[in-house]
Amino acid sequence: MKTHAPQKKNGFVLVEALIASAILALVLAAGIGAFLLTMRTGLGNAAEVQSAFLAEEGLEALRIMRDNGWSTNISPLTASSTYYLVFDGTTWDATTTNSFIDDTFERSIVLFEVSRDSNETIVTSGGTEDPDTRLAVVSVSWREGDATTTRSLSAYMSNVFSN
C-alpha cells in the first residue's frame, strides 16, 4: 500500500495574517469614525448650549436696560431695527456696531412695536400702538461648517416702573 505524504500548503499563514490585518484595519477605522462623530456632535451641542445662554443673557440685559430707564434706554431705540448689546463694565447699552462674542457668536436684538385692541389685548394687526410695550427678539448666530445657525428668544418688555 502506498501512502502519500501530506502536502505542505505554503503561504496559508500569510493569507491568514492578511485577512486578520484587514479585519483589524476595518475595526480601527470604524472606531476612529465613531470617535470623530462623537466629538463633532459634542462640539455642536456645546455651541447650542452657549447660544441659549447668550440669548437668555440678552433678554436679561434688556430687562436691566428697562429697569434703568425705559425713556432713556428702550424708548429711543427705533422699532424693527437691529441693535447689538455691549457691556461697558457698569451697565448694558444698545449699539448699531456689531461685535462678536468669543470671536464666534453674533448676538442681535430687534424691538417691535406692540398694538392692543380696545380690551387691552395684544393683537398682531389693527389696534392702537402701546408706547410702553415692545416685543424683544434676541438672536444668536454662529458659523457651523458652511452654514450659519441662528437661535432666537423673544419676550414682551413693558415699562413697568413708568420711568
N, C-alpha and C. Protein backbone atom coordinates (compact mmCIF):
# COMPACT_ATOMS: atom_id res chain seq x y z
N MET A 1 0.82 -1.15 0.00
CA MET A 1 0.00 0.00 0.00
C MET A 1 0.88 1.23 0.00
N LYS A 2 0.44 2.13 -0.79
CA LYS A 2 1.19 3.36 -0.95
C LYS A 2 0.60 4.44 -0.06
N THR A 3 1.42 5.08 0.66
CA THR A 3 0.94 6.22 1.46
C THR A 3 1.51 7.49 0.88
N HIS A 4 0.68 8.45 0.92
CA HIS A 4 1.12 9.76 0.41
C HIS A 4 1.45 10.68 1.57
N ALA A 5 2.50 11.33 1.42
CA ALA A 5 2.87 12.31 2.45
C ALA A 5 1.99 13.55 2.27
N PRO A 6 1.52 14.11 3.39
CA PRO A 6 0.69 15.32 3.26
C PRO A 6 1.47 16.42 2.58
N GLN A 7 0.77 17.14 1.73
CA GLN A 7 1.43 18.23 1.02
C GLN A 7 1.41 19.48 1.88
N LYS A 8 2.49 20.19 1.85
CA LYS A 8 2.56 21.44 2.59
C LYS A 8 1.79 22.50 1.83
N LYS A 9 1.07 23.33 2.58
CA LYS A 9 0.34 24.44 1.97
C LYS A 9 1.12 25.71 2.29
N ASN A 10 2.03 26.00 1.45
CA ASN A 10 2.85 27.19 1.64
C ASN A 10 2.02 28.45 1.43
N GLY A 11 2.24 29.45 2.29
CA GLY A 11 1.58 30.74 2.12
C GLY A 11 0.26 30.87 2.83
N PHE A 12 -0.26 29.79 3.46
CA PHE A 12 -1.55 29.88 4.13
C PHE A 12 -1.48 30.81 5.33
N VAL A 13 -0.40 30.80 6.06
CA VAL A 13 -0.22 31.69 7.22
C VAL A 13 -0.22 33.14 6.74
N LEU A 14 0.36 33.37 5.60
CA LEU A 14 0.39 34.73 5.04
C LEU A 14 -1.01 35.21 4.71
N VAL A 15 -1.85 34.34 4.16
CA VAL A 15 -3.24 34.70 3.84
C VAL A 15 -4.00 35.00 5.13
N GLU A 16 -3.81 34.16 6.17
CA GLU A 16 -4.48 34.40 7.45
C GLU A 16 -4.06 35.74 8.04
N ALA A 17 -2.78 36.05 7.99
CA ALA A 17 -2.28 37.32 8.53
C ALA A 17 -2.86 38.50 7.76
N LEU A 18 -2.99 38.35 6.45
CA LEU A 18 -3.54 39.42 5.62
C LEU A 18 -5.01 39.66 5.95
N ILE A 19 -5.79 38.59 6.13
CA ILE A 19 -7.21 38.72 6.48
C ILE A 19 -7.36 39.33 7.87
N ALA A 20 -6.55 38.89 8.82
CA ALA A 20 -6.60 39.44 10.18
C ALA A 20 -6.26 40.92 10.18
N SER A 21 -5.26 41.30 9.38
CA SER A 21 -4.88 42.72 9.29
C SER A 21 -6.00 43.55 8.69
N ALA A 22 -6.67 43.02 7.69
CA ALA A 22 -7.78 43.75 7.06
C ALA A 22 -8.93 43.94 8.05
N ILE A 23 -9.26 42.89 8.80
CA ILE A 23 -10.33 43.00 9.81
C ILE A 23 -9.95 44.01 10.88
N LEU A 24 -8.72 43.97 11.34
CA LEU A 24 -8.24 44.91 12.35
C LEU A 24 -8.30 46.35 11.82
N ALA A 25 -7.92 46.54 10.56
CA ALA A 25 -7.96 47.88 9.97
C ALA A 25 -9.40 48.40 9.88
N LEU A 26 -10.34 47.53 9.51
CA LEU A 26 -11.75 47.94 9.44
C LEU A 26 -12.30 48.31 10.82
N VAL A 27 -11.99 47.51 11.82
CA VAL A 27 -12.45 47.80 13.19
C VAL A 27 -11.84 49.11 13.68
N LEU A 28 -10.57 49.31 13.42
CA LEU A 28 -9.90 50.54 13.83
C LEU A 28 -10.48 51.76 13.11
N ALA A 29 -10.73 51.65 11.82
CA ALA A 29 -11.32 52.76 11.06
C ALA A 29 -12.73 53.08 11.57
N ALA A 30 -13.52 52.05 11.87
CA ALA A 30 -14.86 52.28 12.40
C ALA A 30 -14.79 52.95 13.77
N GLY A 31 -13.85 52.54 14.60
CA GLY A 31 -13.68 53.15 15.92
C GLY A 31 -13.29 54.61 15.82
N ILE A 32 -12.36 54.91 14.93
CA ILE A 32 -11.94 56.31 14.74
C ILE A 32 -13.09 57.14 14.19
N GLY A 33 -13.84 56.59 13.25
CA GLY A 33 -15.00 57.30 12.70
C GLY A 33 -16.04 57.59 13.77
N ALA A 34 -16.32 56.62 14.62
CA ALA A 34 -17.29 56.82 15.70
C ALA A 34 -16.79 57.88 16.68
N PHE A 35 -15.51 57.86 16.99
CA PHE A 35 -14.93 58.86 17.89
C PHE A 35 -15.06 60.26 17.30
N LEU A 36 -14.72 60.41 16.02
CA LEU A 36 -14.81 61.73 15.37
C LEU A 36 -16.25 62.23 15.32
N LEU A 37 -17.19 61.34 15.04
CA LEU A 37 -18.60 61.73 15.02
C LEU A 37 -19.06 62.18 16.41
N THR A 38 -18.63 61.47 17.43
CA THR A 38 -18.98 61.85 18.80
C THR A 38 -18.40 63.21 19.15
N MET A 39 -17.16 63.45 18.77
CA MET A 39 -16.53 64.74 19.06
C MET A 39 -17.24 65.87 18.32
N ARG A 40 -17.56 65.66 17.05
CA ARG A 40 -18.24 66.68 16.26
C ARG A 40 -19.62 66.99 16.85
N THR A 41 -20.34 65.97 17.24
CA THR A 41 -21.66 66.15 17.85
C THR A 41 -21.54 66.87 19.18
N GLY A 42 -20.55 66.50 19.97
CA GLY A 42 -20.34 67.14 21.26
C GLY A 42 -20.02 68.61 21.12
N LEU A 43 -19.17 68.96 20.17
CA LEU A 43 -18.83 70.37 19.95
C LEU A 43 -20.03 71.14 19.44
N GLY A 44 -20.84 70.52 18.60
CA GLY A 44 -22.06 71.17 18.11
C GLY A 44 -23.03 71.44 19.24
N ASN A 45 -23.16 70.49 20.16
CA ASN A 45 -24.03 70.68 21.31
C ASN A 45 -23.52 71.79 22.21
N ALA A 46 -22.22 71.91 22.35
CA ALA A 46 -21.65 72.98 23.17
C ALA A 46 -22.03 74.34 22.60
N ALA A 47 -21.99 74.49 21.28
CA ALA A 47 -22.39 75.75 20.65
C ALA A 47 -23.87 76.03 20.86
N GLU A 48 -24.69 75.00 20.78
CA GLU A 48 -26.14 75.16 21.03
C GLU A 48 -26.39 75.64 22.45
N VAL A 49 -25.73 75.03 23.41
CA VAL A 49 -25.91 75.40 24.81
C VAL A 49 -25.43 76.83 25.05
N GLN A 50 -24.26 77.16 24.52
CA GLN A 50 -23.73 78.51 24.71
C GLN A 50 -24.62 79.55 24.06
N SER A 51 -25.18 79.24 22.89
CA SER A 51 -26.07 80.20 22.23
C SER A 51 -27.34 80.42 23.05
N ALA A 52 -27.84 79.37 23.70
CA ALA A 52 -29.02 79.53 24.56
C ALA A 52 -28.72 80.44 25.74
N PHE A 53 -27.55 80.27 26.34
CA PHE A 53 -27.16 81.14 27.45
C PHE A 53 -26.99 82.59 26.98
N LEU A 54 -26.39 82.78 25.82
CA LEU A 54 -26.19 84.13 25.31
C LEU A 54 -27.52 84.81 24.98
N ALA A 55 -28.47 84.06 24.44
CA ALA A 55 -29.78 84.63 24.14
C ALA A 55 -30.50 85.01 25.43
N GLU A 56 -30.44 84.15 26.43
CA GLU A 56 -31.06 84.47 27.72
C GLU A 56 -30.39 85.68 28.37
N GLU A 57 -29.06 85.75 28.26
CA GLU A 57 -28.34 86.90 28.78
C GLU A 57 -28.78 88.18 28.07
N GLY A 58 -29.05 88.08 26.77
CA GLY A 58 -29.53 89.23 26.02
C GLY A 58 -30.86 89.74 26.53
N LEU A 59 -31.78 88.82 26.83
CA LEU A 59 -33.07 89.23 27.40
C LEU A 59 -32.87 89.86 28.78
N GLU A 60 -31.98 89.30 29.58
CA GLU A 60 -31.71 89.88 30.90
C GLU A 60 -31.09 91.27 30.76
N ALA A 61 -30.21 91.46 29.78
CA ALA A 61 -29.61 92.78 29.56
C ALA A 61 -30.69 93.79 29.20
N LEU A 62 -31.65 93.39 28.37
CA LEU A 62 -32.75 94.30 28.03
C LEU A 62 -33.60 94.62 29.26
N ARG A 63 -33.79 93.66 30.13
CA ARG A 63 -34.55 93.92 31.37
C ARG A 63 -33.80 94.92 32.25
N ILE A 64 -32.48 94.78 32.32
CA ILE A 64 -31.68 95.73 33.10
C ILE A 64 -31.79 97.12 32.49
N MET A 65 -31.69 97.21 31.16
CA MET A 65 -31.83 98.50 30.49
C MET A 65 -33.21 99.10 30.79
N ARG A 66 -34.24 98.28 30.73
CA ARG A 66 -35.60 98.74 31.04
C ARG A 66 -35.67 99.26 32.47
N ASP A 67 -35.11 98.49 33.40
CA ASP A 67 -35.16 98.88 34.81
C ASP A 67 -34.39 100.17 35.08
N ASN A 68 -33.31 100.40 34.32
CA ASN A 68 -32.51 101.61 34.49
C ASN A 68 -33.15 102.84 33.85
N GLY A 69 -34.19 102.66 33.08
CA GLY A 69 -34.89 103.79 32.49
C GLY A 69 -35.44 103.48 31.11
N TRP A 70 -36.74 103.26 31.05
CA TRP A 70 -37.41 102.98 29.79
C TRP A 70 -37.22 104.13 28.81
N SER A 71 -37.45 105.35 29.29
CA SER A 71 -37.42 106.52 28.40
C SER A 71 -36.02 106.84 27.90
N THR A 72 -34.97 106.40 28.61
CA THR A 72 -33.61 106.67 28.15
C THR A 72 -32.96 105.49 27.45
N ASN A 73 -33.40 104.26 27.72
CA ASN A 73 -32.73 103.08 27.18
C ASN A 73 -33.53 102.29 26.15
N ILE A 74 -34.84 102.23 26.29
CA ILE A 74 -35.66 101.40 25.41
C ILE A 74 -36.42 102.25 24.40
N SER A 75 -37.11 103.26 24.89
CA SER A 75 -37.95 104.09 24.03
C SER A 75 -37.20 104.74 22.86
N PRO A 76 -35.95 105.20 23.03
CA PRO A 76 -35.25 105.82 21.90
C PRO A 76 -34.84 104.85 20.78
N LEU A 77 -34.86 103.56 21.05
CA LEU A 77 -34.45 102.59 20.03
C LEU A 77 -35.52 102.49 18.95
N THR A 78 -35.11 102.57 17.70
CA THR A 78 -36.03 102.52 16.57
C THR A 78 -36.61 101.12 16.42
N ALA A 79 -37.93 101.06 16.35
CA ALA A 79 -38.60 99.77 16.21
C ALA A 79 -38.18 99.09 14.91
N SER A 80 -38.06 97.79 14.95
CA SER A 80 -37.72 96.92 13.82
C SER A 80 -36.30 97.12 13.31
N SER A 81 -35.45 97.82 14.06
CA SER A 81 -34.05 97.99 13.68
C SER A 81 -33.19 97.02 14.49
N THR A 82 -32.07 96.63 13.92
CA THR A 82 -31.18 95.68 14.57
C THR A 82 -30.16 96.42 15.43
N TYR A 83 -30.01 95.97 16.66
CA TYR A 83 -29.04 96.53 17.60
C TYR A 83 -28.22 95.38 18.18
N TYR A 84 -27.09 95.76 18.76
CA TYR A 84 -26.20 94.80 19.40
C TYR A 84 -25.95 95.27 20.83
N LEU A 85 -25.83 94.34 21.74
CA LEU A 85 -25.64 94.68 23.15
C LEU A 85 -24.17 94.73 23.50
N VAL A 86 -23.79 95.76 24.27
CA VAL A 86 -22.43 95.89 24.77
C VAL A 86 -22.50 96.18 26.27
N PHE A 87 -21.55 95.63 26.99
CA PHE A 87 -21.44 95.88 28.43
C PHE A 87 -20.22 96.76 28.64
N ASP A 88 -20.42 97.94 29.23
CA ASP A 88 -19.32 98.88 29.39
C ASP A 88 -18.59 98.75 30.73
N GLY A 89 -18.84 97.67 31.44
CA GLY A 89 -18.21 97.48 32.74
C GLY A 89 -19.14 97.84 33.88
N THR A 90 -20.16 98.64 33.59
CA THR A 90 -21.11 99.05 34.61
C THR A 90 -22.53 98.63 34.26
N THR A 91 -22.91 98.86 33.01
CA THR A 91 -24.27 98.55 32.59
C THR A 91 -24.29 98.17 31.11
N TRP A 92 -25.45 97.77 30.64
CA TRP A 92 -25.63 97.36 29.25
C TRP A 92 -26.09 98.54 28.42
N ASP A 93 -25.73 98.50 27.13
CA ASP A 93 -26.15 99.53 26.20
C ASP A 93 -26.41 98.87 24.84
N ALA A 94 -27.27 99.50 24.05
CA ALA A 94 -27.56 99.01 22.70
C ALA A 94 -26.82 99.89 21.70
N THR A 95 -26.20 99.26 20.73
CA THR A 95 -25.44 99.98 19.71
C THR A 95 -25.73 99.37 18.34
N THR A 96 -25.43 100.11 17.30
CA THR A 96 -25.60 99.58 15.94
C THR A 96 -24.31 98.93 15.43
N THR A 97 -23.26 98.97 16.25
CA THR A 97 -21.98 98.37 15.87
C THR A 97 -21.93 96.92 16.32
N ASN A 98 -21.72 96.04 15.37
CA ASN A 98 -21.68 94.61 15.67
C ASN A 98 -20.36 94.23 16.31
N SER A 99 -20.42 93.34 17.28
CA SER A 99 -19.21 92.76 17.86
C SER A 99 -19.48 91.28 18.12
N PHE A 100 -18.48 90.47 17.86
CA PHE A 100 -18.64 89.03 18.03
C PHE A 100 -18.23 88.63 19.45
N ILE A 101 -18.95 87.68 20.00
CA ILE A 101 -18.67 87.17 21.33
C ILE A 101 -17.77 85.95 21.16
N ASP A 102 -16.63 85.96 21.82
CA ASP A 102 -15.64 84.87 21.71
C ASP A 102 -15.24 84.63 20.25
N ASP A 103 -15.29 85.66 19.44
CA ASP A 103 -14.96 85.57 18.00
C ASP A 103 -15.79 84.52 17.27
N THR A 104 -16.92 84.14 17.83
CA THR A 104 -17.75 83.09 17.24
C THR A 104 -19.20 83.49 17.11
N PHE A 105 -19.78 84.02 18.17
CA PHE A 105 -21.22 84.26 18.24
C PHE A 105 -21.55 85.73 17.96
N GLU A 106 -22.62 85.92 17.19
CA GLU A 106 -23.15 87.25 16.93
C GLU A 106 -24.52 87.33 17.61
N ARG A 107 -24.67 88.30 18.54
CA ARG A 107 -25.95 88.45 19.23
C ARG A 107 -26.57 89.79 18.82
N SER A 108 -27.80 89.73 18.34
CA SER A 108 -28.50 90.94 17.93
C SER A 108 -29.86 91.00 18.61
N ILE A 109 -30.39 92.22 18.72
CA ILE A 109 -31.73 92.42 19.27
C ILE A 109 -32.54 93.26 18.31
N VAL A 110 -33.81 92.98 18.25
CA VAL A 110 -34.76 93.78 17.48
C VAL A 110 -35.98 93.99 18.38
N LEU A 111 -36.40 95.24 18.50
CA LEU A 111 -37.60 95.57 19.28
C LEU A 111 -38.71 95.93 18.31
N PHE A 112 -39.86 95.31 18.48
CA PHE A 112 -41.01 95.55 17.62
C PHE A 112 -42.10 96.27 18.40
N GLU A 113 -42.82 97.14 17.68
CA GLU A 113 -43.96 97.82 18.29
C GLU A 113 -45.04 96.79 18.62
N VAL A 114 -45.81 97.08 19.65
CA VAL A 114 -46.89 96.20 20.08
C VAL A 114 -48.19 96.99 20.03
N SER A 115 -49.22 96.37 19.45
CA SER A 115 -50.54 97.01 19.36
C SER A 115 -51.53 96.27 20.25
N ARG A 116 -52.50 97.04 20.76
CA ARG A 116 -53.54 96.46 21.62
C ARG A 116 -54.91 96.87 21.09
N ASP A 117 -55.88 95.99 21.31
CA ASP A 117 -57.26 96.32 20.92
C ASP A 117 -57.94 97.09 22.06
N SER A 118 -59.22 97.33 21.93
CA SER A 118 -59.95 98.12 22.92
C SER A 118 -60.04 97.42 24.28
N ASN A 119 -59.78 96.12 24.32
CA ASN A 119 -59.78 95.37 25.58
C ASN A 119 -58.38 95.25 26.19
N GLU A 120 -57.41 96.00 25.63
CA GLU A 120 -56.02 95.96 26.08
C GLU A 120 -55.33 94.63 25.79
N THR A 121 -55.88 93.84 24.86
CA THR A 121 -55.28 92.58 24.46
C THR A 121 -54.30 92.84 23.31
N ILE A 122 -53.15 92.19 23.36
CA ILE A 122 -52.16 92.35 22.29
C ILE A 122 -52.70 91.71 21.02
N VAL A 123 -52.63 92.47 19.91
CA VAL A 123 -53.10 91.98 18.62
C VAL A 123 -51.97 92.11 17.60
N THR A 124 -51.99 91.26 16.59
CA THR A 124 -50.94 91.29 15.57
C THR A 124 -51.23 92.30 14.47
N SER A 125 -52.50 92.64 14.27
CA SER A 125 -52.83 93.66 13.28
C SER A 125 -53.98 94.50 13.81
N GLY A 126 -54.02 95.74 13.36
CA GLY A 126 -55.04 96.65 13.86
C GLY A 126 -54.69 97.09 15.27
N GLY A 127 -55.63 97.68 15.94
CA GLY A 127 -55.40 98.11 17.31
C GLY A 127 -54.60 99.40 17.37
N THR A 128 -54.24 99.77 18.58
CA THR A 128 -53.50 101.01 18.83
C THR A 128 -52.14 100.66 19.40
N GLU A 129 -51.10 101.40 18.94
CA GLU A 129 -49.75 101.13 19.43
C GLU A 129 -49.67 101.41 20.93
N ASP A 130 -49.04 100.51 21.65
CA ASP A 130 -48.79 100.67 23.08
C ASP A 130 -47.36 101.19 23.24
N PRO A 131 -47.17 102.47 23.59
CA PRO A 131 -45.82 103.02 23.68
C PRO A 131 -45.00 102.46 24.85
N ASP A 132 -45.66 101.77 25.77
CA ASP A 132 -44.97 101.23 26.94
C ASP A 132 -44.73 99.72 26.85
N THR A 133 -44.86 99.15 25.67
CA THR A 133 -44.61 97.72 25.48
C THR A 133 -43.87 97.50 24.16
N ARG A 134 -42.90 96.61 24.19
CA ARG A 134 -42.17 96.22 22.98
C ARG A 134 -42.00 94.70 23.00
N LEU A 135 -42.03 94.12 21.81
CA LEU A 135 -41.68 92.71 21.66
C LEU A 135 -40.19 92.66 21.35
N ALA A 136 -39.42 92.04 22.23
CA ALA A 136 -37.97 91.95 22.06
C ALA A 136 -37.61 90.57 21.52
N VAL A 137 -36.83 90.55 20.45
CA VAL A 137 -36.34 89.30 19.88
C VAL A 137 -34.81 89.34 19.92
N VAL A 138 -34.23 88.39 20.64
CA VAL A 138 -32.77 88.27 20.74
C VAL A 138 -32.36 87.08 19.89
N SER A 139 -31.46 87.31 18.94
CA SER A 139 -30.98 86.24 18.06
C SER A 139 -29.48 86.04 18.25
N VAL A 140 -29.06 84.79 18.29
CA VAL A 140 -27.65 84.45 18.40
C VAL A 140 -27.31 83.58 17.20
N SER A 141 -26.30 83.99 16.44
CA SER A 141 -25.89 83.27 15.23
C SER A 141 -24.43 82.86 15.33
N TRP A 142 -24.09 81.75 14.68
CA TRP A 142 -22.70 81.31 14.59
C TRP A 142 -22.53 80.44 13.37
N ARG A 143 -21.29 80.41 12.86
CA ARG A 143 -20.97 79.58 11.70
C ARG A 143 -20.71 78.16 12.16
N GLU A 144 -21.24 77.24 11.37
CA GLU A 144 -21.06 75.82 11.65
C GLU A 144 -20.79 75.15 10.31
N GLY A 145 -19.52 74.91 10.03
CA GLY A 145 -19.17 74.38 8.72
C GLY A 145 -19.41 75.44 7.66
N ASP A 146 -20.20 75.10 6.65
CA ASP A 146 -20.51 76.04 5.58
C ASP A 146 -21.82 76.77 5.80
N ALA A 147 -22.45 76.56 6.95
CA ALA A 147 -23.77 77.15 7.21
C ALA A 147 -23.73 78.02 8.45
N THR A 148 -24.71 78.90 8.55
CA THR A 148 -24.88 79.73 9.74
C THR A 148 -26.10 79.22 10.50
N THR A 149 -25.93 79.01 11.78
CA THR A 149 -27.03 78.56 12.64
C THR A 149 -27.48 79.74 13.48
N THR A 150 -28.80 79.93 13.61
CA THR A 150 -29.35 81.03 14.40
C THR A 150 -30.40 80.48 15.36
N ARG A 151 -30.32 80.92 16.59
CA ARG A 151 -31.31 80.59 17.61
C ARG A 151 -31.85 81.90 18.17
N SER A 152 -33.16 81.97 18.42
CA SER A 152 -33.78 83.21 18.89
C SER A 152 -34.67 82.96 20.10
N LEU A 153 -34.75 83.98 20.95
CA LEU A 153 -35.69 84.01 22.07
C LEU A 153 -36.46 85.32 21.97
N SER A 154 -37.70 85.32 22.40
CA SER A 154 -38.47 86.56 22.38
C SER A 154 -39.23 86.71 23.69
N ALA A 155 -39.51 87.97 24.03
CA ALA A 155 -40.26 88.27 25.25
C ALA A 155 -40.84 89.67 25.11
N TYR A 156 -41.95 89.90 25.76
CA TYR A 156 -42.52 91.24 25.81
C TYR A 156 -41.85 92.02 26.92
N MET A 157 -41.49 93.27 26.62
CA MET A 157 -40.92 94.18 27.61
C MET A 157 -41.93 95.30 27.82
N SER A 158 -42.20 95.60 29.08
CA SER A 158 -43.14 96.68 29.39
C SER A 158 -42.49 97.67 30.34
N ASN A 159 -42.94 98.90 30.27
CA ASN A 159 -42.46 99.96 31.13
C ASN A 159 -43.14 99.83 32.49
N VAL A 160 -42.77 98.81 33.24
CA VAL A 160 -43.44 98.50 34.50
C VAL A 160 -43.16 99.52 35.60
N PHE A 161 -42.04 100.25 35.49
CA PHE A 161 -41.69 101.23 36.51
C PHE A 161 -42.08 102.65 36.11
N SER A 162 -42.70 102.80 34.94
CA SER A 162 -43.11 104.12 34.42
C SER A 162 -41.96 105.12 34.51
N ASN A 163 -40.80 104.70 34.03
CA ASN A 163 -39.63 105.57 34.06
C ASN A 163 -39.12 105.81 32.66
